[in-house]
N, C-alpha and C. Protein backbone atom coordinates (compact mmCIF):
# COMPACT_ATOMS: atom_id res chain seq x y z
N UNK A 1 -5.63 32.44 7.54
CA UNK A 1 -6.17 30.30 7.24
C UNK A 1 -5.35 30.06 8.41
N UNK A 2 -6.23 29.62 8.94
CA UNK A 2 -5.29 29.25 10.34
C UNK A 2 -5.30 27.42 10.05
N UNK A 3 -4.35 27.19 10.96
CA UNK A 3 -4.12 25.53 11.00
C UNK A 3 -5.21 24.82 11.61
N UNK A 4 -5.24 23.46 11.94
CA UNK A 4 -5.57 23.00 13.06
C UNK A 4 -5.25 21.31 12.83
N UNK A 5 -4.55 20.67 14.36
CA UNK A 5 -4.34 20.10 14.58
C UNK A 5 -5.10 18.62 14.62
N UNK A 6 -5.25 17.89 13.69
CA UNK A 6 -5.58 16.14 13.90
C UNK A 6 -4.45 15.08 14.72
N UNK A 7 -5.72 14.97 15.58
CA UNK A 7 -4.55 13.85 16.62
C UNK A 7 -4.99 12.35 15.55
N UNK A 8 -3.36 11.75 15.03
CA UNK A 8 -3.56 10.57 14.22
C UNK A 8 -3.40 9.38 15.90
N UNK A 9 -4.74 8.99 16.75
CA UNK A 9 -4.42 8.23 16.85
C UNK A 9 -4.37 7.05 16.89
N UNK A 10 -5.50 6.91 15.44
CA UNK A 10 -5.45 5.05 15.18
C UNK A 10 -4.19 4.82 14.46
N UNK A 11 -3.29 5.79 14.80
CA UNK A 11 -1.82 5.10 13.67
C UNK A 11 -0.62 4.66 14.68
N UNK A 12 -0.18 3.85 13.95
CA UNK A 12 0.52 3.58 14.74
C UNK A 12 2.20 3.43 13.48
N UNK A 13 3.18 3.56 13.73
CA UNK A 13 4.95 3.03 13.15
C UNK A 13 4.76 2.23 13.05
N UNK A 14 4.31 0.65 13.69
CA UNK A 14 4.15 -0.31 13.29
C UNK A 14 3.27 -1.12 12.69
N UNK A 15 3.92 -1.48 10.97
CA UNK A 15 3.08 -2.27 10.48
C UNK A 15 1.87 -2.56 10.96
N UNK A 16 0.87 -2.47 10.24
CA UNK A 16 -0.43 -3.35 10.74
C UNK A 16 0.00 -5.00 9.51
N UNK A 17 -0.12 -6.04 9.43
CA UNK A 17 0.17 -7.25 8.83
C UNK A 17 -1.57 -7.30 8.54
N UNK A 18 -1.18 -6.95 6.95
CA UNK A 18 -2.80 -7.43 6.18
C UNK A 18 -2.64 -9.02 5.51
N UNK A 19 -4.02 -9.99 6.20
CA UNK A 19 -3.18 -10.80 5.17
C UNK A 19 -4.52 -11.20 4.01
N UNK A 20 -3.98 -12.01 3.06
CA UNK A 20 -4.87 -12.13 1.66
C UNK A 20 -6.28 -12.55 2.18
N UNK A 21 -6.95 -12.04 1.16
CA UNK A 21 -8.57 -12.88 1.24
C UNK A 21 -8.75 -13.82 0.33
N UNK A 22 -9.73 -14.77 0.35
CA UNK A 22 -9.98 -15.83 -0.54
C UNK A 22 -9.96 -15.28 -2.10
N UNK A 23 -10.27 -14.41 -2.48
CA UNK A 23 -9.95 -13.70 -3.82
C UNK A 23 -8.35 -13.25 -4.48
N UNK A 24 -7.19 -13.78 -3.60
CA UNK A 24 -6.19 -12.96 -3.81
C UNK A 24 -6.03 -12.03 -3.22
N UNK A 25 -6.55 -11.48 -2.82
CA UNK A 25 -6.68 -9.70 -2.44
C UNK A 25 -6.09 -9.62 -0.94
N UNK A 26 -5.04 -8.19 -0.77
CA UNK A 26 -4.89 -7.84 0.10
C UNK A 26 -6.09 -6.66 0.39
N UNK A 27 -7.02 -6.91 0.99
CA UNK A 27 -7.83 -5.15 1.16
C UNK A 27 -6.98 -4.67 2.68
N UNK A 28 -6.87 -3.30 1.81
CA UNK A 28 -5.91 -2.46 2.77
C UNK A 28 -7.31 -1.60 3.22
N UNK A 29 -6.99 -1.07 4.38
CA UNK A 29 -7.77 0.07 5.16
C UNK A 29 -7.04 1.04 5.76
N UNK A 30 -7.34 2.21 5.01
CA UNK A 30 -6.20 3.26 4.94
C UNK A 30 -6.70 3.75 6.51
N UNK A 31 -7.95 3.51 7.29
CA UNK A 31 -8.05 4.21 8.43
C UNK A 31 -7.80 3.32 9.56
N UNK A 32 -7.43 2.02 9.52
CA UNK A 32 -6.66 1.09 10.52
C UNK A 32 -5.15 2.06 10.61
N UNK A 33 -4.40 2.00 10.02
CA UNK A 33 -3.46 2.38 9.88
C UNK A 33 -2.39 3.30 9.20
N UNK A 34 -1.12 3.29 9.50
CA UNK A 34 -0.16 4.34 8.37
C UNK A 34 0.76 3.45 7.56
N UNK A 35 0.68 2.65 7.89
CA UNK A 35 2.10 1.55 7.62
C UNK A 35 1.32 0.03 7.96
N UNK A 36 1.57 -0.84 6.67
CA UNK A 36 1.26 -1.95 6.45
C UNK A 36 2.53 -2.83 5.60
N UNK A 37 1.87 -4.48 6.15
CA UNK A 37 2.82 -4.99 5.95
C UNK A 37 1.92 -6.33 4.56
N UNK A 38 2.43 -6.84 3.56
CA UNK A 38 1.70 -7.54 3.05
C UNK A 38 2.65 -8.72 3.02
N UNK A 39 2.73 -10.33 2.68
CA UNK A 39 3.17 -11.15 1.97
C UNK A 39 3.28 -12.07 1.12
N UNK A 40 2.98 -11.70 -0.11
CA UNK A 40 2.23 -12.48 -0.70
C UNK A 40 2.79 -13.65 -1.45
N UNK A 41 2.15 -14.48 -1.86
CA UNK A 41 2.20 -15.67 -2.97
C UNK A 41 1.61 -15.95 -4.00
N UNK A 42 2.02 -16.33 -4.87
CA UNK A 42 0.97 -16.24 -6.28
C UNK A 42 0.25 -15.06 -6.48
N UNK A 43 -0.68 -15.40 -7.26
CA UNK A 43 -1.17 -14.39 -7.55
C UNK A 43 -1.71 -13.03 -6.51
N UNK A 44 -1.76 -12.06 -6.48
CA UNK A 44 -2.40 -11.35 -5.46
C UNK A 44 -2.23 -9.60 -6.32
N UNK A 45 -3.41 -9.03 -5.29
CA UNK A 45 -3.96 -7.55 -5.90
C UNK A 45 -4.08 -6.81 -4.16
N UNK A 46 -4.14 -5.67 -4.43
CA UNK A 46 -4.00 -5.07 -3.24
C UNK A 46 -5.79 -4.20 -3.55
N UNK A 47 -6.30 -4.35 -2.49
CA UNK A 47 -7.81 -3.70 -2.83
C UNK A 47 -7.88 -2.67 -1.70
N UNK A 48 -7.80 -1.35 -1.69
CA UNK A 48 -7.64 -0.04 -0.19
C UNK A 48 -9.08 0.46 -0.33
N UNK A 49 -9.93 0.74 0.63
CA UNK A 49 -10.72 1.64 1.30
C UNK A 49 -9.71 2.56 1.75
N UNK A 50 -10.22 3.62 1.24
CA UNK A 50 -9.77 5.43 1.30
C UNK A 50 -10.88 5.99 1.60
N UNK A 51 -11.19 6.58 3.04
CA UNK A 51 -11.98 7.27 3.42
C UNK A 51 -11.86 9.28 3.16
N UNK A 52 -12.30 10.11 3.15
CA UNK A 52 -12.19 11.33 3.56
C UNK A 52 -11.13 11.68 4.74
N UNK A 53 -10.95 11.03 5.81
CA UNK A 53 -10.33 11.17 6.86
C UNK A 53 -8.87 10.93 6.39
N UNK A 54 -8.76 10.36 5.62
CA UNK A 54 -7.14 9.84 5.22
C UNK A 54 -6.69 10.84 4.06
N UNK A 55 -7.36 11.87 3.58
CA UNK A 55 -6.91 12.68 3.02
C UNK A 55 -5.80 13.34 3.59
N UNK A 56 -4.05 13.02 3.06
CA UNK A 56 -3.13 13.72 3.49
C UNK A 56 -2.20 13.00 4.40
N UNK A 57 -2.65 11.68 4.44
CA UNK A 57 -2.18 10.43 5.38
C UNK A 57 -0.47 9.85 4.13
N UNK A 58 0.35 9.49 4.48
CA UNK A 58 1.00 9.07 4.50
C UNK A 58 1.95 8.17 4.68
N UNK A 59 2.35 6.80 3.88
CA UNK A 59 3.43 5.83 4.99
C UNK A 59 3.43 4.91 3.75
N UNK A 60 3.31 3.59 4.13
CA UNK A 60 4.50 2.68 3.57
C UNK A 60 3.28 1.17 3.24
N UNK A 61 3.85 0.42 2.47
CA UNK A 61 3.54 -0.72 2.63
C UNK A 61 4.81 -1.50 2.20
N UNK A 62 4.88 -2.51 3.13
CA UNK A 62 5.99 -3.07 2.89
C UNK A 62 5.84 -4.55 2.29
N UNK A 63 5.98 -4.83 1.14
CA UNK A 63 6.01 -6.38 0.55
C UNK A 63 7.43 -7.43 0.10
N UNK A 64 6.93 -8.11 1.69
CA UNK A 64 8.03 -9.49 1.30
C UNK A 64 7.44 -10.59 1.03
N UNK A 65 7.99 -10.74 -0.34
CA UNK A 65 7.47 -11.98 -0.96
C UNK A 65 7.65 -13.44 -0.48
N UNK A 66 6.54 -14.50 0.38
CA UNK A 66 6.93 -15.46 1.01
C UNK A 66 7.09 -16.15 0.00
N UNK A 67 7.18 -16.13 -1.09
CA UNK A 67 7.02 -17.13 -2.65
C UNK A 67 7.10 -16.46 -4.07
N UNK A 68 7.13 -17.33 -5.10
CA UNK A 68 6.87 -16.53 -6.40
C UNK A 68 5.63 -16.15 -6.51
N UNK A 69 5.97 -14.59 -7.27
CA UNK A 69 4.55 -13.73 -7.09
C UNK A 69 4.03 -13.86 -8.65
N UNK A 70 2.72 -13.09 -8.76
CA UNK A 70 2.41 -12.89 -10.06
C UNK A 70 1.10 -11.53 -9.38
N UNK A 71 1.88 -10.40 -9.53
CA UNK A 71 1.24 -8.93 -9.14
C UNK A 71 0.07 -8.88 -10.23
N UNK A 72 -1.18 -8.45 -9.86
CA UNK A 72 -1.70 -7.94 -10.53
C UNK A 72 -1.77 -6.56 -10.96
N UNK A 73 -2.83 -5.53 -11.09
CA UNK A 73 -2.71 -4.48 -11.80
C UNK A 73 -2.49 -3.75 -10.76
N UNK A 74 -2.33 -2.09 -10.35
CA UNK A 74 -2.70 -1.59 -9.75
C UNK A 74 -4.38 -0.95 -9.37
N UNK A 75 -4.79 -1.04 -8.26
CA UNK A 75 -6.01 -0.35 -7.91
C UNK A 75 -6.32 1.19 -9.16
N UNK A 76 -7.45 1.49 -9.27
CA UNK A 76 -7.32 2.40 -10.13
C UNK A 76 -7.18 4.37 -9.12
N UNK A 77 -7.41 3.78 -7.80
CA UNK A 77 -7.29 4.66 -7.24
C UNK A 77 -5.55 5.42 -6.96
N UNK A 78 -4.99 4.01 -7.64
CA UNK A 78 -3.19 4.37 -7.12
C UNK A 78 -2.62 4.82 -7.94
N UNK A 79 -2.26 5.97 -8.52
CA UNK A 79 -1.76 6.83 -9.11
C UNK A 79 0.04 6.43 -9.24
N UNK A 80 1.15 6.31 -10.62
CA UNK A 80 2.01 6.29 -10.30
C UNK A 80 3.04 7.24 -11.21
N UNK A 81 4.22 7.65 -10.96
CA UNK A 81 4.57 8.97 -11.51
C UNK A 81 4.78 8.77 -12.58
N UNK A 82 3.69 9.26 -13.92
CA UNK A 82 3.84 9.14 -15.51
C UNK A 82 2.93 8.54 -15.87
N UNK A 83 2.24 8.05 -15.07
CA UNK A 83 1.32 6.73 -14.91
C UNK A 83 2.07 5.48 -15.35
N UNK A 84 3.51 5.10 -14.83
CA UNK A 84 4.34 4.14 -15.37
C UNK A 84 3.85 3.23 -14.76
N UNK A 85 3.88 1.88 -15.18
CA UNK A 85 3.51 0.43 -14.79
C UNK A 85 4.62 0.03 -13.81
N UNK A 86 3.98 -0.61 -13.02
CA UNK A 86 5.11 -1.23 -11.69
C UNK A 86 5.65 -2.54 -12.03
N UNK A 87 6.70 -2.60 -12.10
CA UNK A 87 7.47 -3.50 -12.86
C UNK A 87 7.93 -3.76 -11.17
N UNK A 88 7.38 -5.08 -10.85
CA UNK A 88 7.56 -5.90 -9.14
C UNK A 88 8.23 -6.55 -9.25
N UNK A 89 9.22 -7.09 -7.96
CA UNK A 89 9.61 -8.22 -7.71
C UNK A 89 9.17 -9.05 -7.49
N UNK A 90 9.17 -10.03 -8.16
CA UNK A 90 8.25 -11.37 -8.06
C UNK A 90 8.80 -12.46 -7.33
N UNK A 91 10.52 -12.46 -6.94
CA UNK A 91 10.93 -13.64 -6.56
C UNK A 91 10.74 -13.89 -5.03
N UNK A 92 10.75 -15.54 -4.19
CA UNK A 92 10.60 -15.37 -3.10
C UNK A 92 11.65 -15.22 -2.16
N UNK A 93 11.63 -14.44 -1.27
CA UNK A 93 12.29 -13.61 -0.41
C UNK A 93 12.27 -12.03 -0.64
N UNK A 94 11.78 -11.14 -2.24
CA UNK A 94 12.40 -9.83 -2.03
C UNK A 94 11.59 -9.23 -1.42
N UNK A 95 11.72 -8.12 -1.08
CA UNK A 95 11.64 -7.60 -0.05
C UNK A 95 11.50 -6.11 -0.71
N UNK A 96 10.26 -5.25 -0.68
CA UNK A 96 9.78 -3.90 -1.56
C UNK A 96 9.29 -3.09 -1.02
N UNK A 97 8.98 -1.82 -0.87
CA UNK A 97 8.09 -1.14 -0.35
C UNK A 97 7.01 -0.22 -1.56
N UNK A 98 5.69 0.02 -1.27
CA UNK A 98 4.99 0.84 -1.76
C UNK A 98 4.31 2.13 -0.85
N UNK A 99 5.34 3.51 -1.17
CA UNK A 99 5.64 4.73 -0.18
C UNK A 99 3.88 5.20 -0.93
N UNK A 100 3.09 5.72 -0.26
CA UNK A 100 2.04 6.28 -0.13
C UNK A 100 1.53 7.88 0.27
N UNK A 101 0.74 8.71 -0.74
CA UNK A 101 0.66 9.84 -0.30
C UNK A 101 -0.62 9.91 -0.35
N UNK A 102 -2.11 9.97 0.59
CA UNK A 102 -3.29 10.12 0.18
C UNK A 102 -3.82 11.66 -0.33
N UNK A 103 -4.33 11.68 -1.49
CA UNK A 103 -4.52 13.09 -2.21
C UNK A 103 -6.29 12.98 -2.04
N UNK A 104 -7.41 12.04 -2.20
CA UNK A 104 -8.65 12.35 -1.75
C UNK A 104 -8.99 10.66 -2.34
N UNK A 105 -10.04 10.56 -1.93
CA UNK A 105 -10.61 9.06 -1.57
C UNK A 105 -10.25 8.35 -2.84
N UNK A 106 -10.00 9.04 -4.37
CA UNK A 106 -10.23 8.33 -5.36
C UNK A 106 -8.40 8.58 -6.20
N UNK A 107 -7.25 9.48 -5.12
CA UNK A 107 -6.63 9.50 -5.83
C UNK A 107 -5.30 9.23 -4.64
N UNK A 108 -4.65 8.16 -5.37
CA UNK A 108 -3.56 7.96 -3.82
C UNK A 108 -2.38 7.66 -4.76
N UNK A 109 -0.71 8.49 -4.19
CA UNK A 109 0.31 8.62 -5.03
C UNK A 109 0.75 7.59 -4.92
N UNK A 110 1.52 7.25 -5.97
CA UNK A 110 2.48 5.83 -4.97
C UNK A 110 3.55 5.72 -5.42
N UNK A 111 4.71 5.31 -4.74
CA UNK A 111 5.66 5.29 -5.68
C UNK A 111 6.19 3.61 -4.74
N UNK A 112 6.95 2.96 -5.73
CA UNK A 112 7.80 1.50 -5.78
C UNK A 112 8.86 1.84 -5.43
N UNK A 113 9.79 0.76 -4.72
CA UNK A 113 11.26 1.01 -4.56
C UNK A 113 11.67 -0.63 -3.91
N UNK A 114 12.55 -1.35 -5.19
CA UNK A 114 12.37 -2.50 -5.14
C UNK A 114 13.57 -3.08 -5.45
N UNK A 115 13.91 -4.67 -4.99
CA UNK A 115 14.98 -4.69 -5.10
C UNK A 115 16.28 -4.80 -4.35
N UNK A 116 15.61 -4.13 -2.87
CA UNK A 116 16.54 -4.30 -2.13
C UNK A 116 17.87 -5.57 -1.68
N UNK A 117 18.60 -5.78 -1.61
CA UNK A 117 19.57 -6.38 -0.85
C UNK A 117 20.71 -6.22 -0.12
């Protein structure tokens, strides 16, 4: 089997800042970049768009709380170790990361690390 090099021209190490929409959702399109940053306040969720071109892509979603937060459930595509629920840091100023690996358009493996200080 031969390996094929795939250019990742659309990606950047600099995170794309994603704004919350009117439905309290951060719409993250994995085709736009590999790293993302969100600044939630209040209630919020992540709504991902994952295409077949992103299979194998890895990156990080930086979560920097701009106020006290109430995170919603993870999207169905996001799979955690052991299927465990994430206990998000919810205080103003908390910084956390959600690292990811795209396995398919319906499976994105995620791992949460929070409470950086």
